[in-house]
Amino acid sequence: MDNKDYYVYVQAPDGTPLMPTRKYGWVRKALKSGRVRIVASLPFTVQLNYEPKARATHPVTLGIDPGRTNIGLAAVTDDGTCLYAAECGTRNKDIPKLMAERRSHRQVSRRGERLVRKRRARAHGTVMRRGQAERLLPGCETPVTVKDIINTEARFNNRKRLDGWLTPTARQLLQTHVNLVRKIMKILPVTRICLELNRFAFMELEAGGRLKDRAEYVRGPMHGYADEKEALNAIQGGKCLLCGKRPIEALHHLYARHRNGSDTLANKAGLCRQCHDRVHKDREAAAKLRNIKAGLRKEYGALSVLNQIIPYLAEELSIMMGGSLSVTAGWKTKEAREAMGAEKEHYVDAYCIAAGAVAAVCRDNSRKVPGRCFHIRQFRRQDRQLINNQRERTYYLDGKEIAKNRRKRFEQKGDALSDWYAAACKTYGTQAAEAMRSRMTVRKSVRRYNNPKRLLPGFIIRYKGQRCVVTGQRTNGQYYLSPDMPGINIPARQAEILAGNMGLVYVA
């Protein structure tokens, strides 16, 4: 890689970005004389300690290749020179898991609160009689009877979604794109943004090649297969989707055609003859089949989220740039990339998007793939979870673990004490089971808490002169883990913290 691929990014004394430079000798002399100071080592950025005679800048166009898990960015001048290229790996797929975890915690907490109110009502004789109180729930025509005492006001009737509401996953992805642009605008004087604008039609993607001549990326799932049965054999591994037996003998519509069910692969399942006959007669089997099929229909999840955020992203960027926003289509990016003879990379696509916006589309051999690509990784910045883990109540008989918890918790695989006692009564009799239970030892449940002041993964340290991004900790934060030093436990006392978790961190 040539040195000309490396730029030093420059900021004015007030933090305003100036044009980057490749005058490495001048930078070294200015650092020694104290005329500039280092702001960041990756990307290498310096800030002037004096006011320059003129803040001359040139137009810089930023190209964005949006995505759910990977985002491509590139900044070019009007002649197509690449000043910056980067790829960002997002944590958008973690959002649904964290939302589900938070929902489960809140459900447990609310259930505990309700049980406390019920116990107090029984103790004070204030339990509601059946039919004493009723509530009209949304979507119900008749009121629902309140069986137990509820001392809180019903709030679900007052909840309304505002116009422009986005799901948490889409909102996080939208904010990630905006934050990336703001991060780049701190080191480059971006004057224009070009965004690749694609709206994916999923029914056409499932059409089995109707649009394959228009663009390569819309080839449907039937591409390369002789018929639907061959395609479903490949998707299901040649097994019946309900019982797992071979071979597939019938194609079943999950939703019948006369009930407006589509004729696409998404609405079809390959079954053996016994299961095909079963789903037509048994509603539970039909519902189970639809649930199994739904678990396989996640291939367009990323495109669905992109469809949601693209209009909002274009609006946000247009406001940020004062209207200096242009859009391009995916097929134009593909043509420019093929003309360069480059592989499919997100930062290469972003470069083609930006170069196309300044009429410097890469159609000649003089245009090359950007030589330097920064890699950005997104980390979680906030974690208010206090409980780290909780050990279960464990029962031992003669030193051997036999059960956990008095009664089974949700999704517990082993035996609870009640299960063990019932089995022991059947096997040895009640008197012998009581004698064994009296000899048990119990290890109580222990709850471990997180330190509210702990540093979340994503902060930057210097260890033995090397910059490292911390991705984990051990022994209550006494040691750090970093992919920059694989297999090494970095002592926290010997490491210097350079920066905290900024969410979007340059890792390479």
Protein backbone atom coordinates (compact mmCIF):
# COMPACT_ATOMS: atom_id res chain seq x y z
CA MET A 1 0.00 0.00 0.00
CA ASP A 2 1.42 3.38 -0.98
CA ASN A 3 1.84 6.18 1.51
CA LYS A 4 -0.38 8.33 -0.68
CA ASP A 5 -3.32 6.23 0.49
CA TYR A 6 -2.91 7.67 3.99
CA TYR A 7 -4.28 11.09 4.79
CA VAL A 8 -3.75 13.22 7.88
CA TYR A 9 -7.02 14.91 8.78
CA VAL A 10 -6.79 18.49 9.99
CA GLN A 11 -9.02 20.62 12.21
CA ALA A 12 -8.99 24.36 12.82
CA PRO A 13 -8.50 25.66 16.39
CA ASP A 14 -12.29 25.75 16.88
CA GLY A 15 -12.70 22.16 15.63
CA THR A 16 -13.91 23.05 12.12
CA PRO A 17 -12.63 20.43 9.64
CA LEU A 18 -10.17 21.50 6.97
CA MET A 19 -8.88 19.65 3.92
CA PRO A 20 -6.71 16.61 4.77
CA THR A 21 -3.06 16.57 3.85
CA ARG A 22 -0.31 14.15 2.82
CA LYS A 23 2.53 16.47 3.80
CA TYR A 24 3.88 14.13 6.44
CA GLY A 25 7.12 16.07 6.91
CA TRP A 26 5.23 19.27 7.70
CA VAL A 27 3.03 17.39 10.19
CA ARG A 28 6.07 15.95 12.00
CA LYS A 29 7.75 19.35 12.26
CA ALA A 30 4.52 21.01 13.42
CA LEU A 31 4.07 18.37 16.12
CA LYS A 32 7.62 18.89 17.40
CA SER A 33 7.22 22.67 17.44
CA GLY A 34 3.83 22.50 19.16
CA ARG A 35 1.94 24.21 16.31
CA VAL A 36 -0.49 21.27 16.13
CA ARG A 37 -1.65 18.63 18.56
CA ILE A 38 -2.91 15.10 18.02
CA VAL A 39 -6.67 14.70 18.37
CA ALA A 40 -6.99 11.03 17.39
CA SER A 41 -4.59 8.36 16.26
CA LEU A 42 -7.16 6.45 14.15
CA PRO A 43 -7.86 8.06 11.82
CA PHE A 44 -4.81 10.23 12.43
CA THR A 45 -6.21 13.69 13.10
CA VAL A 46 -4.43 16.84 14.24
CA GLN A 47 -5.74 20.23 15.36
CA LEU A 48 -4.01 23.52 14.64
CA ASN A 49 -2.94 25.62 17.61
CA TYR A 50 -2.91 28.76 15.49
CA GLU A 51 -5.38 30.45 13.19
CA PRO A 52 -4.49 29.76 9.53
CA LYS A 53 -4.29 32.63 7.06
CA ALA A 54 -7.14 31.17 5.01
CA ARG A 55 -9.52 28.27 5.56
CA ALA A 56 -9.59 27.22 1.94
CA THR A 57 -11.61 24.04 1.37
CA HIS A 58 -12.78 22.19 -1.71
CA PRO A 59 -16.15 20.52 -2.32
CA VAL A 60 -16.26 17.06 -0.74
CA THR A 61 -19.00 14.54 -1.58
CA LEU A 62 -19.85 11.75 0.85
CA GLY A 63 -21.30 8.55 -0.60
CA ILE A 64 -23.36 6.21 1.60
CA ASP A 65 -24.16 2.58 0.90
CA PRO A 66 -26.87 1.94 3.55
CA GLY A 67 -27.29 -1.44 5.19
CA ARG A 68 -28.50 -3.19 8.29
CA THR A 69 -25.36 -5.03 9.41
CA ASN A 70 -22.74 -3.26 7.28
CA ILE A 71 -22.65 0.34 6.09
CA GLY A 72 -20.25 1.65 3.45
CA LEU A 73 -18.96 5.25 3.40
CA ALA A 74 -16.58 7.12 1.10
CA ALA A 75 -15.70 10.79 0.58
CA VAL A 76 -14.32 12.09 -2.73
CA THR A 77 -13.35 15.39 -4.31
CA ASP A 78 -14.74 16.65 -7.61
CA ASP A 79 -12.03 14.84 -9.58
CA GLY A 80 -12.86 11.50 -7.95
CA THR A 81 -9.93 11.41 -5.51
CA CYS A 82 -10.87 9.33 -2.48
CA LEU A 83 -10.18 11.15 0.78
CA TYR A 84 -11.86 8.66 3.10
CA ALA A 85 -13.35 5.16 2.93
CA ALA A 86 -14.80 3.08 5.75
CA GLU A 87 -17.06 0.18 6.60
CA CYS A 88 -19.13 0.08 9.76
CA GLY A 89 -20.42 -3.09 11.43
CA THR A 90 -23.61 -2.28 13.33
CA ARG A 91 -25.23 -4.01 16.29
CA ASN A 92 -28.74 -3.68 14.91
CA LYS A 93 -29.44 -7.42 15.16
CA ASP A 94 -28.95 -7.24 18.93
CA ILE A 95 -31.81 -4.77 19.42
CA PRO A 96 -34.71 -7.30 19.13
CA LYS A 97 -32.95 -9.63 21.61
CA LEU A 98 -32.41 -6.83 24.11
CA MET A 99 -36.02 -5.65 23.73
CA ALA A 100 -37.29 -9.18 24.40
CA GLU A 101 -35.02 -9.47 27.44
CA ARG A 102 -36.23 -6.16 28.82
CA ARG A 103 -39.84 -7.17 28.24
CA SER A 104 -39.34 -10.40 30.19
CA HIS A 105 -37.73 -8.54 33.11
CA ARG A 106 -40.60 -6.06 33.24
CA GLN A 107 -43.19 -8.82 33.10
CA VAL A 108 -41.56 -10.56 36.05
CA SER A 109 -41.39 -7.30 37.99
CA ARG A 110 -45.03 -6.44 37.34
CA ARG A 111 -46.15 -9.93 38.22
CA GLY A 112 -44.35 -9.62 41.56
CA GLU A 113 -46.08 -6.30 42.22
CA ARG A 114 -49.49 -7.82 41.46
CA LEU A 115 -48.85 -10.74 43.79
CA VAL A 116 -47.93 -8.34 46.59
CA ARG A 117 -51.17 -6.42 46.11
CA LYS A 118 -53.15 -9.64 46.13
CA ARG A 119 -51.54 -10.83 49.34
CA ARG A 120 -52.27 -7.51 51.00
CA ALA A 121 -55.86 -7.61 49.77
CA ARG A 122 -56.37 -11.08 51.24
CA ALA A 123 -54.78 -10.00 54.53
CA HIS A 124 -57.03 -6.94 54.85
CA GLY A 125 -60.19 -8.53 53.41
CA THR A 126 -60.40 -6.21 50.41
CA VAL A 127 -60.40 -8.79 47.61
CA MET A 128 -62.86 -7.93 44.86
CA ARG A 129 -65.83 -10.18 44.42
CA ARG A 130 -66.36 -11.65 40.98
CA GLY A 131 -68.23 -9.19 38.78
CA GLN A 132 -67.58 -6.29 41.13
CA ALA A 133 -65.33 -4.44 38.66
CA GLU A 134 -65.03 -4.54 34.88
CA ARG A 135 -62.77 -3.01 32.26
CA LEU A 136 -63.27 -2.41 28.56
CA LEU A 137 -60.11 -3.51 26.79
CA PRO A 138 -59.13 -2.25 23.30
CA GLY A 139 -60.74 -4.37 20.60
CA CYS A 140 -63.34 -5.90 22.96
CA GLU A 141 -67.04 -5.22 22.56
CA THR A 142 -67.98 -6.35 26.07
CA PRO A 143 -66.20 -5.49 29.34
CA VAL A 144 -63.81 -7.99 30.92
CA THR A 145 -64.33 -8.95 34.57
CA VAL A 146 -61.51 -8.06 36.96
CA LYS A 147 -60.87 -11.15 39.07
CA ASP A 148 -58.39 -9.72 41.58
CA ILE A 149 -57.78 -6.36 43.17
CA ILE A 150 -55.94 -3.97 40.86
CA ASN A 151 -55.00 -0.66 42.42
CA THR A 152 -53.46 0.95 39.34
CA GLU A 153 -55.18 2.88 36.59
CA ALA A 154 -55.54 1.20 33.18
CA ARG A 155 -53.18 3.04 30.87
CA PHE A 156 -53.29 0.94 27.72
CA ASN A 157 -56.30 2.89 26.38
CA ASN A 158 -54.25 6.10 26.42
CA ARG A 159 -51.27 4.81 24.48
CA LYS A 160 -51.01 6.17 20.93
CA ARG A 161 -48.20 6.05 18.42
CA LEU A 162 -47.20 9.40 17.05
CA ASP A 163 -46.94 10.08 13.32
CA GLY A 164 -43.61 8.91 11.98
CA TRP A 165 -43.20 6.29 14.71
CA LEU A 166 -40.54 3.68 13.92
CA THR A 167 -39.84 0.36 15.54
CA PRO A 168 -36.90 0.35 17.98
CA THR A 169 -34.82 -1.63 15.46
CA ALA A 170 -35.49 0.86 12.66
CA ARG A 171 -34.96 3.87 14.94
CA GLN A 172 -31.58 2.54 16.08
CA LEU A 173 -30.48 1.87 12.49
CA LEU A 174 -31.58 5.33 11.37
CA GLN A 175 -29.67 6.98 14.21
CA THR A 176 -26.58 4.89 13.41
CA HIS A 177 -26.47 6.22 9.83
CA VAL A 178 -26.92 9.81 11.03
CA ASN A 179 -24.24 9.45 13.71
CA LEU A 180 -21.78 8.05 11.17
CA VAL A 181 -22.28 11.07 8.94
CA ARG A 182 -21.77 13.43 11.88
CA LYS A 183 -18.61 11.55 12.86
CA ILE A 184 -17.14 11.98 9.37
CA MET A 185 -18.12 15.65 9.20
CA LYS A 186 -15.86 16.28 12.22
CA ILE A 187 -12.75 15.48 10.15
CA LEU A 188 -13.84 16.37 6.60
CA PRO A 189 -15.61 19.48 5.21
CA VAL A 190 -18.45 17.54 3.58
CA THR A 191 -20.50 19.76 1.27
CA ARG A 192 -22.76 17.16 -0.35
CA ILE A 193 -24.14 13.71 0.35
CA CYS A 194 -25.17 11.06 -2.13
CA LEU A 195 -27.33 8.20 -0.86
CA GLU A 196 -28.05 4.92 -2.61
CA LEU A 197 -31.83 4.72 -2.68
CA ASN A 198 -33.41 1.29 -3.08
CA ARG A 199 -36.94 0.20 -2.33
CA PHE A 200 -37.21 -3.59 -2.33
CA ALA A 201 -40.47 -5.18 -3.55
CA PHE A 202 -40.59 -8.52 -1.76
CA MET A 203 -43.45 -10.01 -3.78
CA GLU A 204 -41.41 -9.37 -6.92
CA LEU A 205 -38.32 -10.86 -5.30
CA GLU A 206 -40.36 -14.04 -4.73
CA ALA A 207 -41.69 -14.04 -8.29
CA GLY A 208 -39.16 -16.59 -9.49
CA GLY A 209 -37.22 -14.55 -12.02
CA ARG A 210 -39.82 -12.16 -13.44
CA LEU A 211 -37.43 -9.26 -12.80
CA LYS A 212 -34.10 -11.01 -13.16
CA ASP A 213 -33.40 -9.30 -16.50
CA ARG A 214 -33.79 -5.87 -14.89
CA ALA A 215 -31.07 -6.26 -12.31
CA GLU A 216 -29.07 -9.14 -10.87
CA TYR A 217 -29.96 -8.55 -7.22
CA VAL A 218 -33.68 -9.18 -7.77
CA ARG A 219 -33.30 -12.80 -8.84
CA GLY A 220 -35.94 -14.74 -6.99
CA PRO A 221 -35.59 -17.99 -5.01
CA MET A 222 -36.62 -20.01 -8.11
CA HIS A 223 -33.46 -19.00 -9.95
CA GLY A 224 -31.47 -22.12 -10.83
CA TYR A 225 -34.27 -24.61 -10.04
CA ALA A 226 -36.40 -26.55 -12.49
CA ASP A 227 -39.65 -26.20 -10.52
CA GLU A 228 -41.08 -25.32 -7.12
CA LYS A 229 -40.68 -28.83 -5.75
CA GLU A 230 -36.96 -28.79 -6.50
CA ALA A 231 -36.63 -25.36 -4.85
CA LEU A 232 -38.46 -26.51 -1.69
CA ASN A 233 -36.33 -29.67 -1.61
CA ALA A 234 -33.24 -27.49 -1.49
CA ILE A 235 -34.68 -25.13 1.15
CA GLN A 236 -35.97 -27.92 3.42
CA GLY A 237 -33.14 -30.37 2.81
CA GLY A 238 -35.48 -32.85 1.13
CA LYS A 239 -37.44 -33.39 4.37
CA CYS A 240 -41.06 -32.91 5.28
CA LEU A 241 -41.32 -29.58 7.09
CA LEU A 242 -43.69 -30.99 9.74
CA CYS A 243 -42.33 -34.45 10.61
CA GLY A 244 -38.86 -34.42 9.04
CA LYS A 245 -39.35 -37.58 6.99
CA ARG A 246 -38.17 -38.07 3.42
CA PRO A 247 -39.18 -37.54 0.67
CA ILE A 248 -41.35 -34.48 -0.04
CA GLU A 249 -44.45 -35.75 -1.80
CA ALA A 250 -46.86 -32.80 -1.75
CA LEU A 251 -46.79 -29.00 -1.88
CA HIS A 252 -49.16 -27.38 0.60
CA HIS A 253 -50.42 -23.78 0.57
CA LEU A 254 -50.21 -22.40 4.12
CA TYR A 255 -53.02 -19.99 3.29
CA ALA A 256 -55.44 -21.30 0.68
CA ARG A 257 -55.66 -19.55 -2.67
CA HIS A 258 -59.41 -19.00 -2.29
CA ARG A 259 -58.59 -17.05 0.90
CA ASN A 260 -56.23 -14.67 -0.94
CA GLY A 261 -53.15 -16.77 -0.25
CA SER A 262 -50.25 -16.10 -2.65
CA ASP A 263 -48.76 -18.64 -5.02
CA THR A 264 -45.16 -17.88 -3.99
CA LEU A 265 -42.66 -20.12 -2.21
CA ALA A 266 -43.24 -18.11 0.96
CA ASN A 267 -46.78 -19.53 1.12
CA LYS A 268 -45.82 -23.12 0.29
CA ALA A 269 -44.39 -25.99 2.31
CA GLY A 270 -43.16 -29.39 1.22
CA LEU A 271 -44.84 -32.25 3.11
CA CYS A 272 -45.13 -36.00 3.04
CA ARG A 273 -48.57 -37.42 2.14
CA GLN A 274 -49.49 -38.28 5.74
CA CYS A 275 -48.71 -34.77 7.01
CA HIS A 276 -50.43 -33.19 4.00
CA ASP A 277 -53.59 -35.07 4.82
CA ARG A 278 -53.18 -34.20 8.49
CA VAL A 279 -52.89 -30.41 8.08
CA HIS A 280 -56.10 -30.37 6.03
CA LYS A 281 -58.01 -32.02 8.88
CA ASP A 282 -56.25 -30.80 12.03
CA ARG A 283 -56.17 -27.06 12.84
CA GLU A 284 -53.43 -27.48 15.42
CA ALA A 285 -51.18 -29.19 12.87
CA ALA A 286 -51.85 -26.39 10.36
CA ALA A 287 -51.00 -23.74 12.96
CA LYS A 288 -47.80 -25.60 13.89
CA LEU A 289 -46.78 -25.76 10.23
CA ARG A 290 -47.28 -22.00 9.82
CA ASN A 291 -45.11 -21.35 12.88
CA ILE A 292 -42.32 -23.56 11.52
CA LYS A 293 -42.47 -21.80 8.17
CA ALA A 294 -42.41 -18.39 9.85
CA GLY A 295 -39.10 -19.30 11.46
CA LEU A 296 -37.62 -19.82 8.00
CA ARG A 297 -38.91 -16.50 6.63
CA LYS A 298 -36.17 -14.21 7.92
CA GLU A 299 -34.16 -13.72 4.76
CA TYR A 300 -35.58 -10.29 3.96
CA GLY A 301 -35.44 -8.91 7.51
CA ALA A 302 -32.57 -6.55 6.71
CA LEU A 303 -34.27 -5.26 3.56
CA SER A 304 -37.51 -4.67 5.47
CA VAL A 305 -35.76 -2.47 8.04
CA LEU A 306 -34.02 -0.55 5.26
CA ASN A 307 -37.35 0.03 3.56
CA GLN A 308 -38.63 1.61 6.75
CA ILE A 309 -35.75 4.00 7.34
CA ILE A 310 -34.79 5.13 3.82
CA PRO A 311 -37.41 7.96 3.59
CA TYR A 312 -36.56 9.19 7.10
CA LEU A 313 -32.82 8.91 6.44
CA ALA A 314 -33.11 10.97 3.26
CA GLU A 315 -35.10 13.61 5.14
CA GLU A 316 -32.63 13.75 8.05
CA LEU A 317 -29.60 14.05 5.77
CA SER A 318 -31.30 16.69 3.63
CA ILE A 319 -31.97 18.82 6.71
CA MET A 320 -28.41 18.29 7.95
CA MET A 321 -26.88 19.37 4.62
CA GLY A 322 -29.33 22.18 3.89
CA GLY A 323 -30.79 20.37 0.89
CA SER A 324 -27.42 19.30 -0.60
CA LEU A 325 -28.52 15.69 -0.95
CA SER A 326 -28.69 13.54 -4.05
CA VAL A 327 -29.77 9.94 -4.52
CA THR A 328 -28.74 7.19 -6.89
CA ALA A 329 -29.94 3.71 -7.78
CA GLY A 330 -28.33 0.37 -7.05
CA TRP A 331 -27.93 -0.59 -10.69
CA LYS A 332 -25.78 2.50 -11.33
CA THR A 333 -23.51 1.52 -8.47
CA LYS A 334 -23.22 -2.00 -9.89
CA GLU A 335 -22.28 -0.69 -13.35
CA ALA A 336 -19.56 1.55 -11.92
CA ARG A 337 -18.15 -1.26 -9.77
CA GLU A 338 -18.02 -3.68 -12.70
CA ALA A 339 -16.32 -1.04 -14.85
CA MET A 340 -13.61 -0.81 -12.17
CA GLY A 341 -13.31 -4.60 -12.06
CA ALA A 342 -13.66 -4.50 -8.27
CA GLU A 343 -15.15 -7.03 -5.91
CA LYS A 344 -18.43 -6.41 -4.08
CA GLU A 345 -17.43 -4.43 -0.97
CA HIS A 346 -19.48 -1.87 0.91
CA TYR A 347 -16.81 0.82 0.87
CA VAL A 348 -16.22 0.23 -2.87
CA ASP A 349 -19.93 0.72 -3.51
CA ALA A 350 -19.85 3.89 -1.41
CA TYR A 351 -16.93 5.17 -3.49
CA CYS A 352 -18.83 4.46 -6.71
CA ILE A 353 -21.88 6.28 -5.30
CA ALA A 354 -19.83 9.36 -4.38
CA ALA A 355 -17.83 9.34 -7.63
CA GLY A 356 -21.01 9.05 -9.66
CA ALA A 357 -22.48 12.07 -7.88
CA VAL A 358 -19.56 14.24 -9.05
CA ALA A 359 -19.71 12.85 -12.62
CA ALA A 360 -16.47 10.97 -12.08
CA VAL A 361 -17.94 7.53 -12.60
CA CYS A 362 -15.26 4.86 -12.68
CA ARG A 363 -15.35 3.88 -16.34
CA ASP A 364 -11.64 4.06 -17.14
CA ASN A 365 -8.72 2.01 -15.92
CA SER A 366 -7.19 4.98 -14.10
CA ARG A 367 -9.81 4.69 -11.35
CA LYS A 368 -8.80 2.25 -8.65
CA VAL A 369 -10.32 0.85 -5.50
CA PRO A 370 -9.60 3.06 -2.46
CA GLY A 371 -6.34 1.84 -0.98
CA ARG A 372 -7.20 2.55 2.68
CA CYS A 373 -10.42 1.46 4.32
CA PHE A 374 -11.14 2.17 7.97
CA HIS A 375 -13.17 -0.35 9.94
CA ILE A 376 -15.70 0.93 12.45
CA ARG A 377 -17.47 -1.22 15.00
CA GLN A 378 -20.54 -0.21 16.95
CA PHE A 379 -20.64 -0.86 20.69
CA ARG A 380 -23.40 -0.55 23.22
CA ARG A 381 -23.02 2.68 25.18
CA GLN A 382 -25.60 2.25 27.94
CA ASP A 383 -26.45 -0.76 30.07
CA ARG A 384 -28.53 0.00 33.14
CA GLN A 385 -28.95 -3.66 34.06
CA LEU A 386 -28.03 -4.05 37.73
CA ILE A 387 -28.25 -7.85 38.00
CA ASN A 388 -25.35 -9.64 36.38
CA ASN A 389 -26.43 -13.20 37.13
CA GLN A 390 -28.31 -15.19 39.74
CA ARG A 391 -27.44 -18.68 40.93
CA GLU A 392 -30.38 -20.93 41.54
CA ARG A 393 -31.35 -22.46 44.86
CA THR A 394 -29.70 -25.90 44.78
CA TYR A 395 -30.47 -29.03 46.85
CA TYR A 396 -27.86 -31.71 47.66
CA LEU A 397 -28.38 -35.22 49.07
CA ASP A 398 -25.27 -36.83 50.52
CA GLY A 399 -23.13 -34.34 48.60
CA LYS A 400 -24.82 -34.99 45.25
CA GLU A 401 -26.89 -32.34 43.46
CA ILE A 402 -30.44 -33.61 42.97
CA ALA A 403 -32.67 -30.58 42.32
CA LYS A 404 -32.83 -26.85 41.76
CA ASN A 405 -35.54 -24.50 43.01
CA ARG A 406 -38.61 -25.49 45.01
CA ARG A 407 -40.70 -25.50 41.85
CA LYS A 408 -39.64 -25.44 38.22
CA ARG A 409 -38.92 -22.06 36.75
CA PHE A 410 -39.80 -21.23 33.16
CA GLU A 411 -37.88 -23.46 30.70
CA GLN A 412 -35.98 -25.26 33.48
CA LYS A 413 -34.57 -28.51 32.14
CA GLY A 414 -33.58 -30.32 35.36
CA ASP A 415 -35.79 -31.45 38.24
CA ALA A 416 -37.15 -29.11 40.87
CA LEU A 417 -37.55 -30.19 44.51
CA SER A 418 -41.27 -30.85 44.00
CA ASP A 419 -40.52 -33.14 41.04
CA TRP A 420 -37.82 -35.03 42.94
CA TYR A 421 -40.06 -35.47 46.00
CA ALA A 422 -42.98 -36.80 43.91
CA ALA A 423 -40.70 -39.30 42.18
CA ALA A 424 -39.09 -40.35 45.47
CA CYS A 425 -42.51 -40.98 47.05
CA LYS A 426 -43.45 -43.30 44.21
CA THR A 427 -40.12 -45.13 44.30
CA TYR A 428 -39.31 -45.38 48.02
CA GLY A 429 -42.53 -44.41 49.75
CA THR A 430 -43.53 -41.26 51.59
CA GLN A 431 -41.71 -42.08 54.84
CA ALA A 432 -38.40 -42.81 53.12
CA ALA A 433 -38.74 -39.71 50.92
CA GLU A 434 -39.30 -37.57 54.03
CA ALA A 435 -36.20 -39.08 55.64
CA MET A 436 -34.09 -38.30 52.58
CA ARG A 437 -35.45 -34.79 52.38
CA SER A 438 -34.50 -34.18 56.01
CA ARG A 439 -30.85 -35.04 55.20
CA MET A 440 -30.62 -32.52 52.35
CA THR A 441 -28.32 -29.53 52.36
CA VAL A 442 -29.32 -26.33 50.57
CA ARG A 443 -27.25 -23.72 48.81
CA LYS A 444 -29.31 -20.55 48.72
CA SER A 445 -29.83 -18.47 45.64
CA VAL A 446 -27.09 -15.87 45.20
CA ARG A 447 -27.53 -12.75 43.12
CA ARG A 448 -24.52 -10.93 41.67
CA TYR A 449 -24.77 -7.29 40.65
CA ASN A 450 -23.03 -5.16 38.06
CA ASN A 451 -21.00 -2.15 39.04
CA PRO A 452 -22.97 0.94 37.87
CA LYS A 453 -19.67 2.76 37.27
CA ARG A 454 -18.16 0.00 35.15
CA LEU A 455 -16.67 0.76 31.75
CA LEU A 456 -18.65 -0.80 28.92
CA PRO A 457 -16.78 -2.54 26.07
CA GLY A 458 -15.65 -0.16 23.36
CA PHE A 459 -13.27 2.09 25.28
CA ILE A 460 -9.73 2.61 24.03
CA ILE A 461 -6.53 1.95 25.99
CA ARG A 462 -2.79 2.10 25.39
CA TYR A 463 -0.81 -0.92 26.48
CA LYS A 464 2.92 -1.26 25.82
CA GLY A 465 2.72 1.60 23.34
CA GLN A 466 -0.08 0.01 21.30
CA ARG A 467 -3.61 1.31 20.83
CA CYS A 468 -6.19 -1.33 21.78
CA VAL A 469 -9.98 -1.42 21.70
CA VAL A 470 -11.34 -3.27 24.74
CA THR A 471 -14.12 -5.72 23.90
CA GLY A 472 -14.41 -7.50 27.27
CA GLN A 473 -13.22 -7.65 30.87
CA ARG A 474 -12.32 -10.37 33.38
CA THR A 475 -12.04 -10.69 37.15
CA ASN A 476 -14.29 -7.71 37.92
CA GLY A 477 -12.42 -5.44 35.52
CA GLN A 478 -8.91 -6.32 36.68
CA TYR A 479 -8.03 -7.54 33.18
CA TYR A 480 -9.03 -6.32 29.71
CA LEU A 481 -9.60 -8.32 26.53
CA SER A 482 -8.83 -6.90 23.10
CA PRO A 483 -8.69 -8.43 19.59
CA ASP A 484 -5.61 -6.26 19.00
CA MET A 485 -3.78 -8.53 21.47
CA PRO A 486 -5.46 -11.93 21.11
CA GLY A 487 -4.98 -14.45 23.88
CA ILE A 488 -3.59 -11.90 26.35
CA ASN A 489 -5.19 -10.70 29.57
CA ILE A 490 -4.19 -7.05 29.71
CA PRO A 491 -3.67 -5.89 33.34
CA ALA A 492 -5.92 -2.88 33.98
CA ARG A 493 -3.29 -1.26 36.22
CA GLN A 494 -0.73 -1.25 33.42
CA ALA A 495 -3.10 0.13 30.75
CA GLU A 496 -3.77 3.79 30.08
CA ILE A 497 -7.36 4.68 29.16
CA LEU A 498 -7.30 7.00 26.14
CA ALA A 499 -11.01 7.41 25.46
CA GLY A 500 -14.31 6.10 26.73
CA ASN A 501 -16.93 4.21 24.76
CA MET A 502 -18.09 6.51 21.95
CA GLY A 503 -20.48 3.98 20.39
CA LEU A 504 -18.88 4.05 16.93
CA VAL A 505 -15.23 3.10 17.39
CA TYR A 506 -12.44 2.78 14.82
CA VAL A 507 -10.96 -0.67 15.29
CA ALA A 508 -8.63 -0.74 12.25
